[in-house]
């Protein structure tokens, strides 16, 4: 069985992560962190020499439609529906300093 992580080591990891843990939290998280490290050690011990590297466990395919140009909306029709137009563009209120 691997050596258990100490409370002081847990506090050091917390400092590195910029976490301010209470004494109760250190007592609670030290065994949890040890469990995570034990699991990582078990995964590292698995022989994967015959397993090819993969980026994804399932084959992927592009689910997007083809990028085909289509006619856009008529500019004058769209601007006619806008609440405010200025110089052939949509007019929007300023974020600061102007009422809507």
PDB file of N, CA and C in Angstrom:
ATOM      1  N   UNK A   1       0.854  -1.187   0.000  1.00  0.00           N
ATOM      2  CA  UNK A   1       0.000   0.000   0.000  1.00  0.00           C
ATOM      3  C   UNK A   1       0.894   1.241   0.000  1.00  0.00           C
ATOM      4  N   UNK A   2       0.602   2.224  -0.882  1.00  0.00           N
ATOM      5  CA  UNK A   2       1.429   3.427  -0.927  1.00  0.00           C
ATOM      6  C   UNK A   2       1.316   4.224   0.366  1.00  0.00           C
ATOM      7  N   UNK A   3       2.337   5.018   0.631  1.00  0.00           N
ATOM      8  CA  UNK A   3       2.338   5.858   1.828  1.00  0.00           C
ATOM      9  C   UNK A   3       1.197   6.860   1.752  1.00  0.00           C
ATOM     10  N   UNK A   4       0.530   7.033   2.869  1.00  0.00           N
ATOM     11  CA  UNK A   4      -0.590   7.981   2.925  1.00  0.00           C
ATOM     12  C   UNK A   4      -0.046   9.405   2.906  1.00  0.00           C
ATOM     13  N   UNK A   5      -0.802  10.294   2.325  1.00  0.00           N
ATOM     14  CA  UNK A   5      -0.401  11.705   2.308  1.00  0.00           C
ATOM     15  C   UNK A   5      -0.689  12.285   3.689  1.00  0.00           C
ATOM     16  N   UNK A   6       0.224  13.083   4.161  1.00  0.00           N
ATOM     17  CA  UNK A   6       0.073  13.655   5.501  1.00  0.00           C
ATOM     18  C   UNK A   6      -0.783  14.913   5.458  1.00  0.00           C
ATOM     19  N   UNK A   7      -1.180  15.318   6.627  1.00  0.00           N
ATOM     20  CA  UNK A   7      -1.971  16.547   6.755  1.00  0.00           C
ATOM     21  C   UNK A   7      -1.147  17.755   6.302  1.00  0.00           C
ATOM     22  N   UNK A   8       0.155  17.727   6.610  1.00  0.00           N
ATOM     23  CA  UNK A   8       1.035  18.826   6.225  1.00  0.00           C
ATOM     24  C   UNK A   8       1.188  18.881   4.698  1.00  0.00           C
ATOM     25  N   UNK A   9       1.285  17.720   4.064  1.00  0.00           N
ATOM     26  CA  UNK A   9       1.378  17.686   2.602  1.00  0.00           C
ATOM     27  C   UNK A   9       0.080  18.194   1.966  1.00  0.00           C
ATOM     28  N   UNK A  10      -1.042  17.856   2.582  1.00  0.00           N
ATOM     29  CA  UNK A  10      -2.327  18.365   2.094  1.00  0.00           C
ATOM     30  C   UNK A  10      -2.377  19.883   2.235  1.00  0.00           C
ATOM     31  N   UNK A  11      -1.888  20.398   3.338  1.00  0.00           N
ATOM     32  CA  UNK A  11      -1.848  21.857   3.546  1.00  0.00           C
ATOM     33  C   UNK A  11      -0.937  22.505   2.506  1.00  0.00           C
ATOM     34  N   UNK A  12       0.182  21.839   2.187  1.00  0.00           N
ATOM     35  CA  UNK A  12       1.100  22.382   1.176  1.00  0.00           C
ATOM     36  C   UNK A  12       0.423  22.426  -0.197  1.00  0.00           C
ATOM     37  N   UNK A  13      -0.280  21.366  -0.568  1.00  0.00           N
ATOM     38  CA  UNK A  13      -1.002  21.335  -1.843  1.00  0.00           C
ATOM     39  C   UNK A  13      -2.072  22.424  -1.858  1.00  0.00           C
ATOM     40  N   UNK A  14      -2.753  22.607  -0.741  1.00  0.00           N
ATOM     41  CA  UNK A  14      -3.778  23.654  -0.646  1.00  0.00           C
ATOM     42  C   UNK A  14      -3.152  25.035  -0.839  1.00  0.00           C
ATOM     43  N   UNK A  15      -1.987  25.261  -0.246  1.00  0.00           N
ATOM     44  CA  UNK A  15      -1.301  26.551  -0.428  1.00  0.00           C
ATOM     45  C   UNK A  15      -0.922  26.761  -1.891  1.00  0.00           C
ATOM     46  N   UNK A  16      -0.419  25.704  -2.541  1.00  0.00           N
ATOM     47  CA  UNK A  16      -0.058  25.815  -3.955  1.00  0.00           C
ATOM     48  C   UNK A  16      -1.276  26.157  -4.810  1.00  0.00           C
ATOM     49  N   UNK A  17      -2.432  25.631  -4.411  1.00  0.00           N
ATOM     50  CA  UNK A  17      -3.674  25.905  -5.136  1.00  0.00           C
ATOM     51  C   UNK A  17      -4.338  27.189  -4.659  1.00  0.00           C
ATOM     52  N   UNK A  18      -3.674  27.883  -3.742  1.00  0.00           N
ATOM     53  CA  UNK A  18      -4.183  29.131  -3.166  1.00  0.00           C
ATOM     54  C   UNK A  18      -5.543  28.933  -2.493  1.00  0.00           C
ATOM     55  N   UNK A  19      -5.647  27.809  -1.762  1.00  0.00           N
ATOM     56  CA  UNK A  19      -6.841  27.512  -0.992  1.00  0.00           C
ATOM     57  C   UNK A  19      -6.539  27.726   0.482  1.00  0.00           C
ATOM     58  N   UNK A  20      -7.417  28.398   1.164  1.00  0.00           N
ATOM     59  CA  UNK A  20      -7.272  28.625   2.592  1.00  0.00           C
ATOM     60  C   UNK A  20      -8.194  27.639   3.301  1.00  0.00           C
ATOM     61  N   UNK A  21      -7.617  26.519   3.756  1.00  0.00           N
ATOM     62  CA  UNK A  21      -8.421  25.475   4.377  1.00  0.00           C
ATOM     63  C   UNK A  21      -8.350  25.562   5.888  1.00  0.00           C
ATOM     64  N   UNK A  22      -9.465  25.270   6.526  1.00  0.00           N
ATOM     65  CA  UNK A  22      -9.496  25.221   7.987  1.00  0.00           C
ATOM     66  C   UNK A  22      -8.891  23.890   8.440  1.00  0.00           C
ATOM     67  N   UNK A  23      -8.670  23.748   9.751  1.00  0.00           N
ATOM     68  CA  UNK A  23      -8.136  22.499  10.281  1.00  0.00           C
ATOM     69  C   UNK A  23      -9.094  21.339  10.025  1.00  0.00           C
ATOM     70  N   UNK A  24     -10.383  21.596  10.176  1.00  0.00           N
ATOM     71  CA  UNK A  24     -11.371  20.546   9.910  1.00  0.00           C
ATOM     72  C   UNK A  24     -11.342  20.119   8.444  1.00  0.00           C
ATOM     73  N   UNK A  25     -11.198  21.093   7.542  1.00  0.00           N
ATOM     74  CA  UNK A  25     -11.131  20.772   6.118  1.00  0.00           C
ATOM     75  C   UNK A  25      -9.874  19.978   5.786  1.00  0.00           C
ATOM     76  N   UNK A  26      -8.757  20.326   6.403  1.00  0.00           N
ATOM     77  CA  UNK A  26      -7.528  19.558   6.179  1.00  0.00           C
ATOM     78  C   UNK A  26      -7.690  18.114   6.637  1.00  0.00           C
ATOM     79  N   UNK A  27      -8.323  17.935   7.794  1.00  0.00           N
ATOM     80  CA  UNK A  27      -8.554  16.579   8.298  1.00  0.00           C
ATOM     81  C   UNK A  27      -9.482  15.794   7.370  1.00  0.00           C
ATOM     82  N   UNK A  28     -10.445  16.465   6.774  1.00  0.00           N
ATOM     83  CA  UNK A  28     -11.395  15.798   5.888  1.00  0.00           C
ATOM     84  C   UNK A  28     -10.785  15.532   4.508  1.00  0.00           C
ATOM     85  N   UNK A  29      -9.990  16.488   3.986  1.00  0.00           N
ATOM     86  CA  UNK A  29      -9.490  16.371   2.616  1.00  0.00           C
ATOM     87  C   UNK A  29      -8.233  15.523   2.489  1.00  0.00           C
ATOM     88  N   UNK A  30      -7.453  15.374   3.549  1.00  0.00           N
ATOM     89  CA  UNK A  30      -6.224  14.572   3.467  1.00  0.00           C
ATOM     90  C   UNK A  30      -6.534  13.135   3.037  1.00  0.00           C
ATOM     91  N   UNK A  31      -7.501  12.435   3.664  1.00  0.00           N
ATOM     92  CA  UNK A  31      -7.804  11.076   3.203  1.00  0.00           C
ATOM     93  C   UNK A  31      -8.397  11.054   1.784  1.00  0.00           C
ATOM     94  N   UNK A  32      -9.160  12.076   1.429  1.00  0.00           N
ATOM     95  CA  UNK A  32      -9.725  12.122   0.085  1.00  0.00           C
ATOM     96  C   UNK A  32      -8.628  12.296  -0.960  1.00  0.00           C
ATOM     97  N   UNK A  33      -7.664  13.174  -0.679  1.00  0.00           N
ATOM     98  CA  UNK A  33      -6.554  13.365  -1.598  1.00  0.00           C
ATOM     99  C   UNK A  33      -5.715  12.098  -1.691  1.00  0.00           C
ATOM    100  N   UNK A  34      -5.536  11.413  -0.575  1.00  0.00           N
ATOM    101  CA  UNK A  34      -4.811  10.145  -0.586  1.00  0.00           C
ATOM    102  C   UNK A  34      -5.534   9.123  -1.454  1.00  0.00           C
ATOM    103  N   UNK A  35      -6.867   9.104  -1.396  1.00  0.00           N
ATOM    104  CA  UNK A  35      -7.640   8.192  -2.245  1.00  0.00           C
ATOM    105  C   UNK A  35      -7.462   8.497  -3.717  1.00  0.00           C
ATOM    106  N   UNK A  36      -7.427   9.770  -4.050  1.00  0.00           N
ATOM    107  CA  UNK A  36      -7.214  10.175  -5.442  1.00  0.00           C
ATOM    108  C   UNK A  36      -5.837   9.726  -5.905  1.00  0.00           C
ATOM    109  N   UNK A  37      -4.827   9.951  -5.078  1.00  0.00           N
ATOM    110  CA  UNK A  37      -3.468   9.549  -5.441  1.00  0.00           C
ATOM    111  C   UNK A  37      -3.337   8.031  -5.535  1.00  0.00           C
ATOM    112  N   UNK A  38      -4.010   7.295  -4.641  1.00  0.00           N
ATOM    113  CA  UNK A  38      -4.004   5.830  -4.727  1.00  0.00           C
ATOM    114  C   UNK A  38      -4.622   5.365  -6.040  1.00  0.00           C
ATOM    115  N   UNK A  39      -5.727   5.972  -6.419  1.00  0.00           N
ATOM    116  CA  UNK A  39      -6.379   5.603  -7.679  1.00  0.00           C
ATOM    117  C   UNK A  39      -5.478   5.921  -8.865  1.00  0.00           C
ATOM    118  N   UNK A  40      -4.812   7.071  -8.836  1.00  0.00           N
ATOM    119  CA  UNK A  40      -3.892   7.428  -9.916  1.00  0.00           C
ATOM    120  C   UNK A  40      -2.755   6.419  -9.997  1.00  0.00           C
ATOM    121  N   UNK A  41      -2.289   5.940  -8.856  1.00  0.00           N
ATOM    122  CA  UNK A  41      -1.228   4.930  -8.852  1.00  0.00           C
ATOM    123  C   UNK A  41      -1.729   3.620  -9.455  1.00  0.00           C
ATOM    124  N   UNK A  42      -2.979   3.251  -9.174  1.00  0.00           N
ATOM    125  CA  UNK A  42      -3.554   2.032  -9.764  1.00  0.00           C
ATOM    126  C   UNK A  42      -3.655   2.168 -11.278  1.00  0.00           C
ATOM    127  N   UNK A  43      -4.076   3.320 -11.748  1.00  0.00           N
ATOM    128  CA  UNK A  43      -4.187   3.546 -13.194  1.00  0.00           C
ATOM    129  C   UNK A  43      -2.801   3.505 -13.831  1.00  0.00           C
ATOM    130  N   UNK A  44      -1.818   4.104 -13.187  1.00  0.00           N
ATOM    131  CA  UNK A  44      -0.460   4.123 -13.730  1.00  0.00           C
ATOM    132  C   UNK A  44       0.142   2.723 -13.769  1.00  0.00           C
ATOM    133  N   UNK A  45      -0.318   1.824 -12.891  1.00  0.00           N
ATOM    134  CA  UNK A  45       0.227   0.469 -12.844  1.00  0.00           C
ATOM    135  C   UNK A  45      -0.318  -0.431 -13.948  1.00  0.00           C
ATOM    136  N   UNK A  46      -1.366  -0.029 -14.628  1.00  0.00           N
ATOM    137  CA  UNK A  46      -1.959  -0.848 -15.684  1.00  0.00           C
ATOM    138  C   UNK A  46      -1.019  -0.880 -16.883  1.00  0.00           C
ATOM    139  N   UNK A  47      -0.808  -2.093 -17.435  1.00  0.00           N
ATOM    140  CA  UNK A  47       0.054  -2.244 -18.602  1.00  0.00           C
ATOM    141  C   UNK A  47      -0.725  -1.809 -19.844  1.00  0.00           C
ATOM    142  N   UNK A  48      -0.305  -0.704 -20.448  1.00  0.00           N
ATOM    143  CA  UNK A  48      -0.977  -0.175 -21.641  1.00  0.00           C
ATOM    144  C   UNK A  48      -0.085  -0.233 -22.871  1.00  0.00           C
ATOM    145  N   UNK A  49       0.967  -1.039 -22.808  1.00  0.00           N
ATOM    146  CA  UNK A  49       1.920  -1.096 -23.918  1.00  0.00           C
ATOM    147  C   UNK A  49       1.255  -1.550 -25.213  1.00  0.00           C
ATOM    148  N   UNK A  50       0.288  -2.448 -25.137  1.00  0.00           N
ATOM    149  CA  UNK A  50      -0.363  -2.961 -26.347  1.00  0.00           C
ATOM    150  C   UNK A  50      -1.597  -2.159 -26.744  1.00  0.00           C
ATOM    151  N   UNK A  51      -1.898  -1.100 -26.004  1.00  0.00           N
ATOM    152  CA  UNK A  51      -3.082  -0.293 -26.286  1.00  0.00           C
ATOM    153  C   UNK A  51      -2.677   0.935 -27.092  1.00  0.00           C
ATOM    154  N   UNK A  52      -3.266   1.104 -28.295  1.00  0.00           N
ATOM    155  CA  UNK A  52      -2.901   2.283 -29.086  1.00  0.00           C
ATOM    156  C   UNK A  52      -3.485   3.555 -28.467  1.00  0.00           C
ATOM    157  N   UNK A  53      -2.786   4.667 -28.603  1.00  0.00           N
ATOM    158  CA  UNK A  53      -3.326   5.925 -28.075  1.00  0.00           C
ATOM    159  C   UNK A  53      -4.553   6.348 -28.879  1.00  0.00           C
ATOM    160  N   UNK A  54      -5.501   6.923 -28.194  1.00  0.00           N
ATOM    161  CA  UNK A  54      -6.720   7.397 -28.852  1.00  0.00           C
ATOM    162  C   UNK A  54      -7.049   8.797 -28.346  1.00  0.00           C
ATOM    163  N   UNK A  55      -7.661   9.582 -29.219  1.00  0.00           N
ATOM    164  CA  UNK A  55      -8.110  10.911 -28.822  1.00  0.00           C
ATOM    165  C   UNK A  55      -9.540  10.865 -28.320  1.00  0.00           C
ATOM    166  N   UNK A  56     -10.292   9.845 -28.762  1.00  0.00           N
ATOM    167  CA  UNK A  56     -11.693   9.719 -28.378  1.00  0.00           C
ATOM    168  C   UNK A  56     -12.059   8.246 -28.445  1.00  0.00           C
ATOM    169  N   UNK A  57     -12.870   7.752 -27.501  1.00  0.00           N
ATOM    170  CA  UNK A  57     -13.173   6.320 -27.500  1.00  0.00           C
ATOM    171  C   UNK A  57     -14.103   5.880 -28.627  1.00  0.00           C
ATOM    172  N   UNK A  58     -14.806   6.777 -29.242  1.00  0.00           N
ATOM    173  CA  UNK A  58     -15.737   6.438 -30.309  1.00  0.00           C
ATOM    174  C   UNK A  58     -15.337   7.145 -31.591  1.00  0.00           C
ATOM    175  N   UNK A  59     -15.589   6.521 -32.738  1.00  0.00           N
ATOM    176  CA  UNK A  59     -15.288   7.222 -33.991  1.00  0.00           C
ATOM    177  C   UNK A  59     -16.183   8.453 -34.133  1.00  0.00           C
ATOM    178  N   UNK A  60     -15.590   9.535 -34.575  1.00  0.00           N
ATOM    179  CA  UNK A  60     -16.342  10.779 -34.722  1.00  0.00           C
ATOM    180  C   UNK A  60     -16.542  11.098 -36.195  1.00  0.00           C
ATOM    181  N   UNK A  61     -17.616  11.799 -36.463  1.00  0.00           N
ATOM    182  CA  UNK A  61     -17.842  12.284 -37.817  1.00  0.00           C
ATOM    183  C   UNK A  61     -18.375  13.698 -37.710  1.00  0.00           C
ATOM    184  N   UNK A  62     -18.143  14.464 -38.746  1.00  0.00           N
ATOM    185  CA  UNK A  62     -18.594  15.842 -38.755  1.00  0.00           C
ATOM    186  C   UNK A  62     -20.118  15.858 -38.875  1.00  0.00           C
ATOM    187  N   UNK A  63     -20.782  16.499 -37.950  1.00  0.00           N
ATOM    188  CA  UNK A  63     -22.238  16.555 -37.969  1.00  0.00           C
ATOM    189  C   UNK A  63     -22.748  17.918 -38.442  1.00  0.00           C
ATOM    190  N   UNK A  64     -21.842  18.746 -38.933  1.00  0.00           N
ATOM    191  CA  UNK A  64     -22.243  20.057 -39.418  1.00  0.00           C
ATOM    192  C   UNK A  64     -22.642  19.983 -40.878  1.00  0.00           C
ATOM    193  N   UNK A  65     -23.500  20.864 -41.276  1.00  0.00           N
ATOM    194  CA  UNK A  65     -23.905  20.904 -42.681  1.00  0.00           C
ATOM    195  C   UNK A  65     -22.770  21.465 -43.525  1.00  0.00           C
ATOM    196  N   UNK A  66     -22.852  21.221 -44.797  1.00  0.00           N
ATOM    197  CA  UNK A  66     -21.845  21.774 -45.703  1.00  0.00           C
ATOM    198  C   UNK A  66     -21.965  23.294 -45.727  1.00  0.00           C
ATOM    199  N   UNK A  67     -20.855  23.959 -45.857  1.00  0.00           N
ATOM    200  CA  UNK A  67     -20.835  25.418 -45.886  1.00  0.00           C
ATOM    201  C   UNK A  67     -21.090  25.864 -47.326  1.00  0.00           C
ATOM    202  N   UNK A  68     -22.360  26.087 -47.624  1.00  0.00           N
ATOM    203  CA  UNK A  68     -22.764  26.465 -48.977  1.00  0.00           C
ATOM    204  C   UNK A  68     -23.300  27.889 -48.931  1.00  0.00           C
ATOM    205  N   UNK A  69     -22.772  28.789 -49.760  1.00  0.00           N
ATOM    206  CA  UNK A  69     -23.297  30.155 -49.756  1.00  0.00           C
ATOM    207  C   UNK A  69     -24.731  30.193 -50.285  1.00  0.00           C
ATOM    208  N   UNK A  70     -25.551  30.973 -49.620  1.00  0.00           N
ATOM    209  CA  UNK A  70     -26.946  31.154 -50.032  1.00  0.00           C
ATOM    210  C   UNK A  70     -27.224  32.657 -50.048  1.00  0.00           C
ATOM    211  N   UNK A  71     -28.220  33.086 -50.792  1.00  0.00           N
ATOM    212  CA  UNK A  71     -28.540  34.516 -50.818  1.00  0.00           C
ATOM    213  C   UNK A  71     -28.967  34.991 -49.433  1.00  0.00           C
ATOM    214  N   UNK A  72     -28.517  36.175 -49.057  1.00  0.00           N
ATOM    215  CA  UNK A  72     -28.889  36.717 -47.756  1.00  0.00           C
ATOM    216  C   UNK A  72     -30.150  37.572 -47.900  1.00  0.00           C
ATOM    217  N   UNK A  73     -30.596  38.090 -46.784  1.00  0.00           N
ATOM    218  CA  UNK A  73     -31.792  38.925 -46.787  1.00  0.00           C
ATOM    219  C   UNK A  73     -31.502  40.246 -47.498  1.00  0.00           C
ATOM    220  N   UNK A  74     -32.533  40.829 -48.067  1.00  0.00           N
ATOM    221  CA  UNK A  74     -32.399  42.120 -48.719  1.00  0.00           C
ATOM    222  C   UNK A  74     -32.149  43.190 -47.659  1.00  0.00           C
ATOM    223  N   UNK A  75     -31.104  43.962 -47.836  1.00  0.00           N
ATOM    224  CA  UNK A  75     -30.694  44.966 -46.858  1.00  0.00           C
ATOM    225  C   UNK A  75     -31.806  45.975 -46.573  1.00  0.00           C
ATOM    226  N   UNK A  76     -32.458  46.483 -47.602  1.00  0.00           N
ATOM    227  CA  UNK A  76     -33.487  47.496 -47.403  1.00  0.00           C
ATOM    228  C   UNK A  76     -34.688  46.936 -46.641  1.00  0.00           C
ATOM    229  N   UNK A  77     -35.040  45.687 -46.913  1.00  0.00           N
ATOM    230  CA  UNK A  77     -36.173  45.069 -46.205  1.00  0.00           C
ATOM    231  C   UNK A  77     -35.838  44.910 -44.726  1.00  0.00           C
ATOM    232  N   UNK A  78     -34.629  44.465 -44.438  1.00  0.00           N
ATOM    233  CA  UNK A  78     -34.230  44.265 -43.048  1.00  0.00           C
ATOM    234  C   UNK A  78     -34.160  45.601 -42.317  1.00  0.00           C
ATOM    235  N   UNK A  79     -33.548  46.608 -42.938  1.00  0.00           N
ATOM    236  CA  UNK A  79     -33.446  47.915 -42.287  1.00  0.00           C
ATOM    237  C   UNK A  79     -34.819  48.552 -42.100  1.00  0.00           C
ATOM    238  N   UNK A  80     -35.763  48.266 -42.981  1.00  0.00           N
ATOM    239  CA  UNK A  80     -37.115  48.807 -42.833  1.00  0.00           C
ATOM    240  C   UNK A  80     -37.798  48.260 -41.579  1.00  0.00           C
ATOM    241  N   UNK A  81     -37.393  47.073 -41.130  1.00  0.00           N
ATOM    242  CA  UNK A  81     -37.992  46.460 -39.936  1.00  0.00           C
ATOM    243  C   UNK A  81     -37.287  46.872 -38.646  1.00  0.00           C
ATOM    244  N   UNK A  82     -36.136  47.536 -38.756  1.00  0.00           N
ATOM    245  CA  UNK A  82     -35.361  47.914 -37.569  1.00  0.00           C
ATOM    246  C   UNK A  82     -36.022  49.067 -36.838  1.00  0.00           C
ATOM    247  N   UNK A  83     -35.904  49.106 -35.511  1.00  0.00           N
ATOM    248  CA  UNK A  83     -36.489  50.220 -34.761  1.00  0.00           C
ATOM    249  C   UNK A  83     -35.772  51.536 -35.012  1.00  0.00           C
ATOM    250  N   UNK A  84     -34.477  51.505 -35.334  1.00  0.00           N
ATOM    251  CA  UNK A  84     -33.734  52.741 -35.616  1.00  0.00           C
ATOM    252  C   UNK A  84     -32.627  52.428 -36.619  1.00  0.00           C
ATOM    253  N   UNK A  85     -32.480  53.319 -37.611  1.00  0.00           N
ATOM    254  CA  UNK A  85     -31.466  53.155 -38.657  1.00  0.00           C
ATOM    255  C   UNK A  85     -30.691  54.456 -38.760  1.00  0.00           C
ATOM    256  N   UNK A  86     -29.379  54.349 -39.015  1.00  0.00           N
ATOM    257  CA  UNK A  86     -28.539  55.527 -39.189  1.00  0.00           C
ATOM    258  C   UNK A  86     -27.460  55.198 -40.214  1.00  0.00           C
ATOM    259  N   UNK A  87     -27.378  55.970 -41.281  1.00  0.00           N
ATOM    260  CA  UNK A  87     -26.382  55.788 -42.332  1.00  0.00           C
ATOM    261  C   UNK A  87     -26.409  54.375 -42.924  1.00  0.00           C
ATOM    262  N   UNK A  88     -27.593  53.832 -43.118  1.00  0.00           N
ATOM    263  CA  UNK A  88     -27.714  52.513 -43.732  1.00  0.00           C
ATOM    264  C   UNK A  88     -27.338  51.360 -42.829  1.00  0.00           C
ATOM    265  N   UNK A  89     -27.300  51.591 -41.503  1.00  0.00           N
ATOM    266  CA  UNK A  89     -26.956  50.544 -40.534  1.00  0.00           C
ATOM    267  C   UNK A  89     -27.960  50.587 -39.389  1.00  0.00           C
ATOM    268  N   UNK A  90     -27.992  49.495 -38.637  1.00  0.00           N
ATOM    269  CA  UNK A  90     -28.807  49.493 -37.422  1.00  0.00           C
ATOM    270  C   UNK A  90     -28.239  50.521 -36.458  1.00  0.00           C
ATOM    271  N   UNK A  91     -29.122  51.288 -35.836  1.00  0.00           N
ATOM    272  CA  UNK A  91     -28.672  52.225 -34.809  1.00  0.00           C
ATOM    273  C   UNK A  91     -29.023  51.618 -33.464  1.00  0.00           C
ATOM    274  N   UNK A  92     -28.010  51.504 -32.625  1.00  0.00           N
ATOM    275  CA  UNK A  92     -28.218  50.960 -31.286  1.00  0.00           C
ATOM    276  C   UNK A  92     -27.813  52.015 -30.274  1.00  0.00           C
ATOM    277  N   UNK A  93     -28.453  52.035 -29.102  1.00  0.00           N
ATOM    278  CA  UNK A  93     -28.094  53.038 -28.107  1.00  0.00           C
ATOM    279  C   UNK A  93     -26.698  52.753 -27.538  1.00  0.00           C
ATOM    280  N   UNK A  94     -26.032  53.821 -27.136  1.00  0.00           N
ATOM    281  CA  UNK A  94     -24.738  53.665 -26.480  1.00  0.00           C
ATOM    282  C   UNK A  94     -24.950  52.938 -25.166  1.00  0.00           C
ATOM    283  N   UNK A  95     -23.959  52.266 -24.737  1.00  0.00           N
ATOM    284  CA  UNK A  95     -24.086  51.525 -23.483  1.00  0.00           C
ATOM    285  C   UNK A  95     -24.102  52.488 -22.316  1.00  0.00           C
ATOM    286  N   UNK A  96     -23.272  53.511 -22.363  1.00  0.00           N
ATOM    287  CA  UNK A  96     -23.176  54.463 -21.270  1.00  0.00           C
ATOM    288  C   UNK A  96     -23.468  55.859 -21.812  1.00  0.00           C
ATOM    289  N   UNK A  97     -24.323  56.568 -21.127  1.00  0.00           N
ATOM    290  CA  UNK A  97     -24.507  57.979 -21.435  1.00  0.00           C
ATOM    291  C   UNK A  97     -25.620  58.333 -22.401  1.00  0.00           C
ATOM    292  N   UNK A  98     -26.443  57.378 -22.798  1.00  0.00           N
ATOM    293  CA  UNK A  98     -27.529  57.695 -23.711  1.00  0.00           C
ATOM    294  C   UNK A  98     -28.736  56.836 -23.372  1.00  0.00           C
ATOM    295  N   UNK A  99     -29.899  57.447 -23.326  1.00  0.00           N
ATOM    296  CA  UNK A  99     -31.110  56.710 -23.056  1.00  0.00           C
ATOM    297  C   UNK A  99     -31.501  55.887 -24.282  1.00  0.00           C
ATOM    298  N   UNK A 100     -32.206  54.782 -24.086  1.00  0.00           N
ATOM    299  CA  UNK A 100     -32.589  53.953 -25.239  1.00  0.00           C
ATOM    300  C   UNK A 100     -33.528  54.623 -26.214  1.00  0.00           C
TER     301      UNK A 100
END
